[in-house]
Amino acid sequence: MANTVQARKRARQAIQRRAHNMSLRSELRTAIKKVRKAVATGDKTAAQAVFKESQSVIDSVADKKIIHKNAAARHKSRLSAAIKSI
């Protein structure tokens, strides 16, 4: 347990920051799942529309350093390839 006032405050902030980061990561996963689901239906135009929306979510999470920028690029690349394969 933290002994100093500063350490206690940092512990409180870490808990809040972790909760916020987890919600952003969940939002990212949901966006990716939406694109995968749209690809599974086989409707290319719908999949492209969902992908366009999810790109901003992926980039936003990467800008906040929740995931690495290369991981974001990899996700977008694989989703785009899945849409092209329809």
N, C-alpha and C. Protein backbone atom coordinates (compact mmCIF):
# COMPACT_ATOMS: atom_id res chain seq x y z
N MET A 1 0.85 -1.19 0.00
CA MET A 1 0.00 0.00 0.00
C MET A 1 0.89 1.24 0.00
N ALA A 2 0.42 2.26 -0.69
CA ALA A 2 1.17 3.50 -0.79
C ALA A 2 1.20 4.21 0.57
N ASN A 3 2.36 4.76 0.92
CA ASN A 3 2.53 5.41 2.22
C ASN A 3 2.44 6.93 2.14
N THR A 4 2.90 7.51 1.05
CA THR A 4 2.90 8.97 0.96
C THR A 4 1.62 9.46 0.28
N VAL A 5 1.33 10.72 0.47
CA VAL A 5 0.15 11.33 -0.14
C VAL A 5 0.27 11.26 -1.66
N GLN A 6 1.46 11.55 -2.15
CA GLN A 6 1.69 11.54 -3.60
C GLN A 6 1.47 10.13 -4.18
N ALA A 7 1.97 9.13 -3.48
CA ALA A 7 1.82 7.75 -3.96
C ALA A 7 0.36 7.31 -3.93
N ARG A 8 -0.38 7.76 -2.92
CA ARG A 8 -1.81 7.42 -2.85
C ARG A 8 -2.57 8.06 -4.02
N LYS A 9 -2.21 9.31 -4.31
CA LYS A 9 -2.87 9.99 -5.42
C LYS A 9 -2.54 9.30 -6.74
N ARG A 10 -1.29 8.92 -6.94
CA ARG A 10 -0.89 8.24 -8.18
C ARG A 10 -1.64 6.91 -8.31
N ALA A 11 -1.85 6.22 -7.21
CA ALA A 11 -2.59 4.95 -7.23
C ALA A 11 -4.04 5.20 -7.64
N ARG A 12 -4.65 6.26 -7.11
CA ARG A 12 -6.04 6.60 -7.49
C ARG A 12 -6.11 6.95 -8.97
N GLN A 13 -5.16 7.74 -9.44
CA GLN A 13 -5.16 8.14 -10.84
C GLN A 13 -4.94 6.94 -11.76
N ALA A 14 -4.11 6.01 -11.33
CA ALA A 14 -3.84 4.82 -12.15
C ALA A 14 -5.12 3.99 -12.32
N ILE A 15 -5.91 3.91 -11.27
CA ILE A 15 -7.17 3.15 -11.35
C ILE A 15 -8.12 3.81 -12.34
N GLN A 16 -8.24 5.13 -12.26
CA GLN A 16 -9.12 5.85 -13.18
C GLN A 16 -8.63 5.74 -14.62
N ARG A 17 -7.34 5.88 -14.81
CA ARG A 17 -6.76 5.81 -16.15
C ARG A 17 -6.95 4.42 -16.75
N ARG A 18 -6.78 3.39 -15.93
CA ARG A 18 -6.96 2.01 -16.39
C ARG A 18 -8.40 1.78 -16.84
N ALA A 19 -9.36 2.28 -16.07
CA ALA A 19 -10.77 2.13 -16.42
C ALA A 19 -11.07 2.82 -17.75
N HIS A 20 -10.51 4.01 -17.93
CA HIS A 20 -10.73 4.75 -19.17
C HIS A 20 -10.09 4.02 -20.36
N ASN A 21 -8.88 3.54 -20.17
CA ASN A 21 -8.20 2.81 -21.24
C ASN A 21 -8.94 1.53 -21.60
N MET A 22 -9.49 0.85 -20.60
CA MET A 22 -10.23 -0.39 -20.86
C MET A 22 -11.48 -0.10 -21.69
N SER A 23 -12.14 1.01 -21.41
CA SER A 23 -13.34 1.35 -22.18
C SER A 23 -12.98 1.67 -23.63
N LEU A 24 -11.86 2.36 -23.83
CA LEU A 24 -11.42 2.65 -25.20
C LEU A 24 -11.04 1.38 -25.95
N ARG A 25 -10.37 0.47 -25.26
CA ARG A 25 -9.98 -0.80 -25.87
C ARG A 25 -11.22 -1.63 -26.24
N SER A 26 -12.23 -1.57 -25.39
CA SER A 26 -13.49 -2.26 -25.67
C SER A 26 -14.17 -1.67 -26.89
N GLU A 27 -14.14 -0.35 -27.00
CA GLU A 27 -14.73 0.34 -28.15
C GLU A 27 -14.00 -0.09 -29.44
N LEU A 28 -12.69 -0.23 -29.34
CA LEU A 28 -11.89 -0.68 -30.49
C LEU A 28 -12.31 -2.08 -30.91
N ARG A 29 -12.40 -2.98 -29.96
CA ARG A 29 -12.77 -4.36 -30.27
C ARG A 29 -14.16 -4.44 -30.90
N THR A 30 -15.07 -3.63 -30.38
CA THR A 30 -16.43 -3.61 -30.92
C THR A 30 -16.43 -3.12 -32.37
N ALA A 31 -15.64 -2.09 -32.66
CA ALA A 31 -15.57 -1.55 -34.02
C ALA A 31 -15.03 -2.61 -34.98
N ILE A 32 -14.01 -3.36 -34.54
CA ILE A 32 -13.43 -4.39 -35.39
C ILE A 32 -14.45 -5.51 -35.63
N LYS A 33 -15.18 -5.88 -34.56
CA LYS A 33 -16.19 -6.94 -34.70
C LYS A 33 -17.30 -6.53 -35.65
N LYS A 34 -17.69 -5.24 -35.64
CA LYS A 34 -18.73 -4.77 -36.54
C LYS A 34 -18.32 -4.94 -37.99
N VAL A 35 -17.05 -4.63 -38.29
CA VAL A 35 -16.56 -4.78 -39.66
C VAL A 35 -16.53 -6.25 -40.04
N ARG A 36 -16.03 -7.10 -39.14
CA ARG A 36 -15.98 -8.54 -39.42
C ARG A 36 -17.38 -9.10 -39.69
N LYS A 37 -18.35 -8.62 -38.92
CA LYS A 37 -19.72 -9.09 -39.09
C LYS A 37 -20.28 -8.63 -40.44
N ALA A 38 -19.97 -7.39 -40.83
CA ALA A 38 -20.42 -6.87 -42.11
C ALA A 38 -19.78 -7.63 -43.27
N VAL A 39 -18.53 -8.01 -43.11
CA VAL A 39 -17.84 -8.80 -44.14
C VAL A 39 -18.48 -10.18 -44.25
N ALA A 40 -18.86 -10.75 -43.12
CA ALA A 40 -19.45 -12.08 -43.11
C ALA A 40 -20.80 -12.11 -43.84
N THR A 41 -21.52 -10.98 -43.83
CA THR A 41 -22.80 -10.95 -44.53
C THR A 41 -22.61 -10.96 -46.04
N GLY A 42 -21.46 -10.46 -46.51
CA GLY A 42 -21.17 -10.48 -47.94
C GLY A 42 -21.56 -9.21 -48.67
N ASP A 43 -22.09 -8.22 -47.98
CA ASP A 43 -22.48 -6.96 -48.60
C ASP A 43 -21.28 -6.01 -48.57
N LYS A 44 -20.67 -5.83 -49.75
CA LYS A 44 -19.43 -5.06 -49.81
C LYS A 44 -19.65 -3.58 -49.47
N THR A 45 -20.71 -2.98 -49.96
CA THR A 45 -20.94 -1.54 -49.71
C THR A 45 -21.21 -1.28 -48.23
N ALA A 46 -21.97 -2.18 -47.60
CA ALA A 46 -22.23 -2.02 -46.16
C ALA A 46 -20.95 -2.19 -45.36
N ALA A 47 -20.14 -3.16 -45.76
CA ALA A 47 -18.87 -3.41 -45.07
C ALA A 47 -17.94 -2.21 -45.21
N GLN A 48 -17.92 -1.60 -46.38
CA GLN A 48 -17.06 -0.42 -46.59
C GLN A 48 -17.53 0.75 -45.72
N ALA A 49 -18.85 0.91 -45.59
CA ALA A 49 -19.38 2.00 -44.77
C ALA A 49 -19.02 1.80 -43.30
N VAL A 50 -19.16 0.58 -42.81
CA VAL A 50 -18.81 0.28 -41.42
C VAL A 50 -17.31 0.43 -41.21
N PHE A 51 -16.53 0.01 -42.20
CA PHE A 51 -15.07 0.13 -42.10
C PHE A 51 -14.64 1.59 -42.01
N LYS A 52 -15.31 2.44 -42.79
CA LYS A 52 -14.97 3.86 -42.78
C LYS A 52 -15.19 4.46 -41.39
N GLU A 53 -16.28 4.06 -40.73
CA GLU A 53 -16.55 4.53 -39.37
C GLU A 53 -15.54 3.98 -38.37
N SER A 54 -15.20 2.71 -38.52
CA SER A 54 -14.30 2.08 -37.56
C SER A 54 -12.86 2.56 -37.70
N GLN A 55 -12.50 3.07 -38.87
CA GLN A 55 -11.14 3.59 -39.05
C GLN A 55 -10.86 4.73 -38.08
N SER A 56 -11.83 5.60 -37.88
CA SER A 56 -11.62 6.73 -36.98
C SER A 56 -11.45 6.25 -35.54
N VAL A 57 -12.19 5.21 -35.17
CA VAL A 57 -12.06 4.65 -33.82
C VAL A 57 -10.66 4.06 -33.64
N ILE A 58 -10.22 3.30 -34.64
CA ILE A 58 -8.89 2.66 -34.57
C ILE A 58 -7.79 3.72 -34.47
N ASP A 59 -7.88 4.75 -35.31
CA ASP A 59 -6.87 5.81 -35.28
C ASP A 59 -6.90 6.59 -33.97
N SER A 60 -8.10 6.82 -33.45
CA SER A 60 -8.23 7.55 -32.19
C SER A 60 -7.57 6.81 -31.05
N VAL A 61 -7.79 5.49 -30.99
CA VAL A 61 -7.20 4.67 -29.93
C VAL A 61 -5.67 4.64 -30.08
N ALA A 62 -5.19 4.60 -31.31
CA ALA A 62 -3.75 4.59 -31.55
C ALA A 62 -3.12 5.94 -31.17
N ASP A 63 -3.82 7.03 -31.46
CA ASP A 63 -3.31 8.36 -31.12
C ASP A 63 -3.17 8.54 -29.61
N LYS A 64 -4.05 7.87 -28.86
CA LYS A 64 -4.01 7.96 -27.40
C LYS A 64 -3.05 6.93 -26.79
N LYS A 65 -2.35 6.20 -27.66
CA LYS A 65 -1.34 5.22 -27.28
C LYS A 65 -1.91 4.06 -26.46
N ILE A 66 -3.18 3.73 -26.71
CA ILE A 66 -3.78 2.56 -26.08
C ILE A 66 -3.26 1.32 -26.79
N ILE A 67 -3.13 1.42 -28.13
CA ILE A 67 -2.44 0.39 -28.91
C ILE A 67 -1.37 1.08 -29.74
N HIS A 68 -0.41 0.33 -30.19
CA HIS A 68 0.68 0.89 -30.99
C HIS A 68 0.17 1.28 -32.36
N LYS A 69 0.78 2.29 -32.96
CA LYS A 69 0.33 2.76 -34.28
C LYS A 69 0.47 1.67 -35.34
N ASN A 70 1.47 0.81 -35.21
CA ASN A 70 1.62 -0.27 -36.19
C ASN A 70 0.54 -1.33 -36.01
N ALA A 71 0.10 -1.54 -34.78
CA ALA A 71 -1.00 -2.47 -34.53
C ALA A 71 -2.28 -1.92 -35.15
N ALA A 72 -2.49 -0.62 -35.04
CA ALA A 72 -3.66 0.01 -35.66
C ALA A 72 -3.60 -0.15 -37.18
N ALA A 73 -2.43 0.08 -37.74
CA ALA A 73 -2.26 -0.05 -39.19
C ALA A 73 -2.51 -1.50 -39.61
N ARG A 74 -2.07 -2.44 -38.81
CA ARG A 74 -2.27 -3.86 -39.13
C ARG A 74 -3.76 -4.22 -39.11
N HIS A 75 -4.48 -3.72 -38.10
CA HIS A 75 -5.91 -3.97 -38.02
C HIS A 75 -6.62 -3.41 -39.26
N LYS A 76 -6.30 -2.17 -39.61
CA LYS A 76 -6.95 -1.54 -40.75
C LYS A 76 -6.62 -2.27 -42.04
N SER A 77 -5.38 -2.70 -42.18
CA SER A 77 -4.95 -3.40 -43.38
C SER A 77 -5.68 -4.73 -43.53
N ARG A 78 -5.80 -5.48 -42.45
CA ARG A 78 -6.45 -6.78 -42.52
C ARG A 78 -7.95 -6.65 -42.76
N LEU A 79 -8.56 -5.64 -42.15
CA LEU A 79 -9.99 -5.42 -42.38
C LEU A 79 -10.23 -5.01 -43.83
N SER A 80 -9.36 -4.15 -44.34
CA SER A 80 -9.48 -3.71 -45.73
C SER A 80 -9.31 -4.88 -46.69
N ALA A 81 -8.35 -5.75 -46.41
CA ALA A 81 -8.12 -6.92 -47.24
C ALA A 81 -9.34 -7.87 -47.21
N ALA A 82 -9.95 -7.97 -46.04
CA ALA A 82 -11.14 -8.83 -45.91
C ALA A 82 -12.29 -8.27 -46.74
N ILE A 83 -12.42 -6.94 -46.78
CA ILE A 83 -13.48 -6.32 -47.56
C ILE A 83 -13.21 -6.50 -49.06
N LYS A 84 -11.97 -6.37 -49.45
CA LYS A 84 -11.61 -6.54 -50.87
C LYS A 84 -11.85 -7.97 -51.35
N SER A 85 -11.74 -8.91 -50.44
CA SER A 85 -11.89 -10.32 -50.83
C SER A 85 -13.35 -10.74 -51.04
N ILE A 86 -14.29 -9.83 -50.73
CA ILE A 86 -15.72 -10.17 -50.91
C ILE A 86 -16.01 -10.28 -52.40
